[in-house]
Amino acid sequence: MQVSKTILIIEDDEEMCWALDSILEKEGYNVLAINRGKEAIQEIENQNIDLIILDYKLPDMTGKKILDLWGVKNPKCKFIIITAYGTSKLKKELMNSGAVAFFDKPFKIKRLVNTVNKLLKTQ
């Protein structure tokens, strides 16, 4: 029996969060969804997370801060950044900090799901 992988979605747009949660659960993943960075950090410390889908701009901090804090502590956890504020400089900075994928909003959900599947099926 294959153990289901756990995905944490950190996204302040509730509709986006709900849509990603629903779609990824249908793919067979355990999904946690949080809207604020501080709450997400607490959840990350208490859960075994395989992949984080992280909005860059959150109400209480940037996704880069979460990536910097958690990526160093758990290099096995993969980060996908999603943002409406993407620039080539920001993308390069986040990829150099450990993100494995970067999606500019709006993005095709199917493309994100394919990326998630590819990343988690190879673990």
C-alpha atoms as a PDB file:
ATOM      1  CA  MET A   1       0.000   0.000   0.000  1.00  0.00           C
ATOM      2  CA  GLN A   2       1.418   3.373  -1.036  1.00  0.00           C
ATOM      3  CA  VAL A   3       1.343   6.063   1.617  1.00  0.00           C
ATOM      4  CA  SER A   4      -0.338   9.239   0.421  1.00  0.00           C
ATOM      5  CA  LYS A   5       1.895  12.290   0.192  1.00  0.00           C
ATOM      6  CA  THR A   6       0.999  15.451   2.095  1.00  0.00           C
ATOM      7  CA  ILE A   7       0.738  18.827   0.405  1.00  0.00           C
ATOM      8  CA  LEU A   8       0.449  22.132   2.237  1.00  0.00           C
ATOM      9  CA  ILE A   9      -1.151  24.997   0.329  1.00  0.00           C
ATOM     10  CA  ILE A  10      -0.274  28.439   1.674  1.00  0.00           C
ATOM     11  CA  GLU A  11      -2.480  30.868  -0.237  1.00  0.00           C
ATOM     12  CA  ASP A  12      -4.471  33.871   0.972  1.00  0.00           C
ATOM     13  CA  ASP A  13      -6.982  33.774  -1.908  1.00  0.00           C
ATOM     14  CA  GLU A  14      -9.659  31.510  -0.443  1.00  0.00           C
ATOM     15  CA  GLU A  15     -11.160  30.515  -3.806  1.00  0.00           C
ATOM     16  CA  MET A  16      -7.745  29.555  -5.183  1.00  0.00           C
ATOM     17  CA  CYS A  17      -6.988  27.668  -1.989  1.00  0.00           C
ATOM     18  CA  TRP A  18     -10.278  25.757  -2.124  1.00  0.00           C
ATOM     19  CA  ALA A  19      -9.852  24.897  -5.812  1.00  0.00           C
ATOM     20  CA  LEU A  20      -6.307  23.586  -5.357  1.00  0.00           C
ATOM     21  CA  ASP A  21      -7.310  21.664  -2.232  1.00  0.00           C
ATOM     22  CA  SER A  22     -10.251  20.008  -3.981  1.00  0.00           C
ATOM     23  CA  ILE A  23      -8.323  19.072  -7.126  1.00  0.00           C
ATOM     24  CA  LEU A  24      -5.280  17.715  -5.302  1.00  0.00           C
ATOM     25  CA  GLU A  25      -7.419  15.652  -2.913  1.00  0.00           C
ATOM     26  CA  LYS A  26      -9.060  14.056  -5.971  1.00  0.00           C
ATOM     27  CA  GLU A  27      -5.539  13.177  -7.133  1.00  0.00           C
ATOM     28  CA  GLY A  28      -5.138  11.185  -3.900  1.00  0.00           C
ATOM     29  CA  TYR A  29      -3.041  13.548  -1.799  1.00  0.00           C
ATOM     30  CA  ASN A  30      -3.522  14.589   1.816  1.00  0.00           C
ATOM     31  CA  VAL A  31      -3.987  18.342   1.574  1.00  0.00           C
ATOM     32  CA  LEU A  32      -3.751  21.030   4.225  1.00  0.00           C
ATOM     33  CA  ALA A  33      -4.663  24.613   3.350  1.00  0.00           C
ATOM     34  CA  ILE A  34      -3.677  27.722   5.290  1.00  0.00           C
ATOM     35  CA  ASN A  35      -4.113  31.425   4.523  1.00  0.00           C
ATOM     36  CA  ARG A  36      -1.385  33.040   6.643  1.00  0.00           C
ATOM     37  CA  GLY A  37       2.373  32.581   6.918  1.00  0.00           C
ATOM     38  CA  LYS A  38       2.641  32.372  10.719  1.00  0.00           C
ATOM     39  CA  GLU A  39      -0.037  29.671  10.885  1.00  0.00           C
ATOM     40  CA  ALA A  40       1.687  27.823   8.051  1.00  0.00           C
ATOM     41  CA  ILE A  41       5.022  27.791   9.892  1.00  0.00           C
ATOM     42  CA  GLN A  42       3.332  26.251  12.949  1.00  0.00           C
ATOM     43  CA  GLU A  43       1.682  23.618  10.736  1.00  0.00           C
ATOM     44  CA  ILE A  44       4.946  22.847   8.947  1.00  0.00           C
ATOM     45  CA  GLU A  45       6.668  22.233  12.273  1.00  0.00           C
ATOM     46  CA  ASN A  46       3.925  19.807  13.378  1.00  0.00           C
ATOM     47  CA  GLN A  47       3.329  17.861  10.150  1.00  0.00           C
ATOM     48  CA  ASN A  48       5.330  15.738   7.747  1.00  0.00           C
ATOM     49  CA  ILE A  49       4.950  17.811   4.574  1.00  0.00           C
ATOM     50  CA  ASP A  50       6.183  16.494   1.215  1.00  0.00           C
ATOM     51  CA  LEU A  51       5.387  19.532  -0.918  1.00  0.00           C
ATOM     52  CA  ILE A  52       4.349  23.128  -0.300  1.00  0.00           C
ATOM     53  CA  ILE A  53       2.454  25.242  -2.803  1.00  0.00           C
ATOM     54  CA  LEU A  54       3.327  28.713  -1.628  1.00  0.00           C
ATOM     55  CA  ASP A  55       1.897  32.066  -2.623  1.00  0.00           C
ATOM     56  CA  TYR A  56       4.667  34.644  -2.694  1.00  0.00           C
ATOM     57  CA  LYS A  57       2.654  37.525  -1.240  1.00  0.00           C
ATOM     58  CA  LEU A  58       0.798  36.685   1.973  1.00  0.00           C
ATOM     59  CA  PRO A  59      -0.889  39.137   4.359  1.00  0.00           C
ATOM     60  CA  ASP A  60       1.687  38.659   7.117  1.00  0.00           C
ATOM     61  CA  MET A  61       4.929  37.763   5.292  1.00  0.00           C
ATOM     62  CA  THR A  62       6.427  36.806   1.975  1.00  0.00           C
ATOM     63  CA  GLY A  63       6.739  33.302   0.642  1.00  0.00           C
ATOM     64  CA  LYS A  64      10.496  33.866   0.482  1.00  0.00           C
ATOM     65  CA  LYS A  65      10.622  34.129   4.266  1.00  0.00           C
ATOM     66  CA  ILE A  66       8.841  30.780   4.613  1.00  0.00           C
ATOM     67  CA  LEU A  67      11.089  29.224   1.977  1.00  0.00           C
ATOM     68  CA  ASP A  68      14.191  30.546   3.763  1.00  0.00           C
ATOM     69  CA  LEU A  69      12.982  29.381   7.191  1.00  0.00           C
ATOM     70  CA  TRP A  70      11.698  25.947   6.244  1.00  0.00           C
ATOM     71  CA  GLY A  71      13.693  25.009   3.165  1.00  0.00           C
ATOM     72  CA  VAL A  72      16.900  24.932   5.206  1.00  0.00           C
ATOM     73  CA  LYS A  73      15.336  22.826   7.970  1.00  0.00           C
ATOM     74  CA  ASN A  74      13.827  20.261   5.603  1.00  0.00           C
ATOM     75  CA  PRO A  75      15.561  20.014   2.232  1.00  0.00           C
ATOM     76  CA  LYS A  76      13.393  16.997   1.282  1.00  0.00           C
ATOM     77  CA  CYS A  77      10.291  19.198   1.179  1.00  0.00           C
ATOM     78  CA  LYS A  78       9.679  20.645  -2.267  1.00  0.00           C
ATOM     79  CA  PHE A  79       8.359  24.172  -2.839  1.00  0.00           C
ATOM     80  CA  ILE A  80       6.232  25.411  -5.727  1.00  0.00           C
ATOM     81  CA  ILE A  81       5.812  29.185  -5.790  1.00  0.00           C
ATOM     82  CA  ILE A  82       2.659  30.783  -7.184  1.00  0.00           C
ATOM     83  CA  THR A  83       2.322  34.535  -7.549  1.00  0.00           C
ATOM     84  CA  ALA A  84       0.628  37.383  -9.352  1.00  0.00           C
ATOM     85  CA  TYR A  85       3.761  39.478  -8.783  1.00  0.00           C
ATOM     86  CA  GLY A  86       6.242  37.441 -10.787  1.00  0.00           C
ATOM     87  CA  THR A  87       9.269  39.029 -12.361  1.00  0.00           C
ATOM     88  CA  SER A  88      12.258  37.270 -13.843  1.00  0.00           C
ATOM     89  CA  LYS A  89      14.386  38.637 -10.977  1.00  0.00           C
ATOM     90  CA  LEU A  90      11.964  37.277  -8.349  1.00  0.00           C
ATOM     91  CA  LYS A  91      11.735  33.917 -10.101  1.00  0.00           C
ATOM     92  CA  LYS A  92      15.529  33.605 -10.194  1.00  0.00           C
ATOM     93  CA  GLU A  93      15.820  34.609  -6.539  1.00  0.00           C
ATOM     94  CA  LEU A  94      13.219  32.060  -5.386  1.00  0.00           C
ATOM     95  CA  MET A  95      14.580  29.257  -7.551  1.00  0.00           C
ATOM     96  CA  ASN A  96      18.062  29.965  -6.139  1.00  0.00           C
ATOM     97  CA  SER A  97      16.544  29.770  -2.639  1.00  0.00           C
ATOM     98  CA  GLY A  98      15.248  26.254  -3.270  1.00  0.00           C
ATOM     99  CA  ALA A  99      11.908  26.476  -5.053  1.00  0.00           C
ATOM    100  CA  VAL A 100      11.533  23.711  -7.657  1.00  0.00           C
ATOM    101  CA  ALA A 101       8.834  25.390  -9.760  1.00  0.00           C
ATOM    102  CA  PHE A 102       7.374  28.847 -10.268  1.00  0.00           C
ATOM    103  CA  PHE A 103       3.886  29.654 -11.617  1.00  0.00           C
ATOM    104  CA  ASP A 104       2.664  33.118 -12.555  1.00  0.00           C
ATOM    105  CA  LYS A 105      -1.021  33.746 -11.829  1.00  0.00           C
ATOM    106  CA  PRO A 106      -3.192  33.064 -13.634  1.00  0.00           C
ATOM    107  CA  PHE A 107      -1.892  29.605 -14.467  1.00  0.00           C
ATOM    108  CA  LYS A 108      -3.372  26.429 -15.870  1.00  0.00           C
ATOM    109  CA  ILE A 109      -4.400  24.167 -12.985  1.00  0.00           C
ATOM    110  CA  LYS A 110      -3.692  21.069 -15.072  1.00  0.00           C
ATOM    111  CA  ARG A 111      -0.091  22.189 -15.561  1.00  0.00           C
ATOM    112  CA  LEU A 112       0.325  22.693 -11.806  1.00  0.00           C
ATOM    113  CA  VAL A 113      -1.213  19.277 -11.059  1.00  0.00           C
ATOM    114  CA  ASN A 114       1.090  17.636 -13.611  1.00  0.00           C
ATOM    115  CA  THR A 115       4.078  19.288 -11.925  1.00  0.00           C
ATOM    116  CA  VAL A 116       2.910  18.146  -8.476  1.00  0.00           C
ATOM    117  CA  ASN A 117       2.407  14.585  -9.725  1.00  0.00           C
ATOM    118  CA  LYS A 118       5.816  14.522 -11.350  1.00  0.00           C
ATOM    119  CA  LEU A 119       7.554  15.818  -8.215  1.00  0.00           C
ATOM    120  CA  LEU A 120       5.776  13.530  -5.758  1.00  0.00           C
ATOM    121  CA  LYS A 121       5.680  10.337  -7.826  1.00  0.00           C
ATOM    122  CA  THR A 122       9.479  10.407  -8.034  1.00  0.00           C
ATOM    123  CA  GLN A 123       9.982  10.528  -4.253  1.00  0.00           C
END
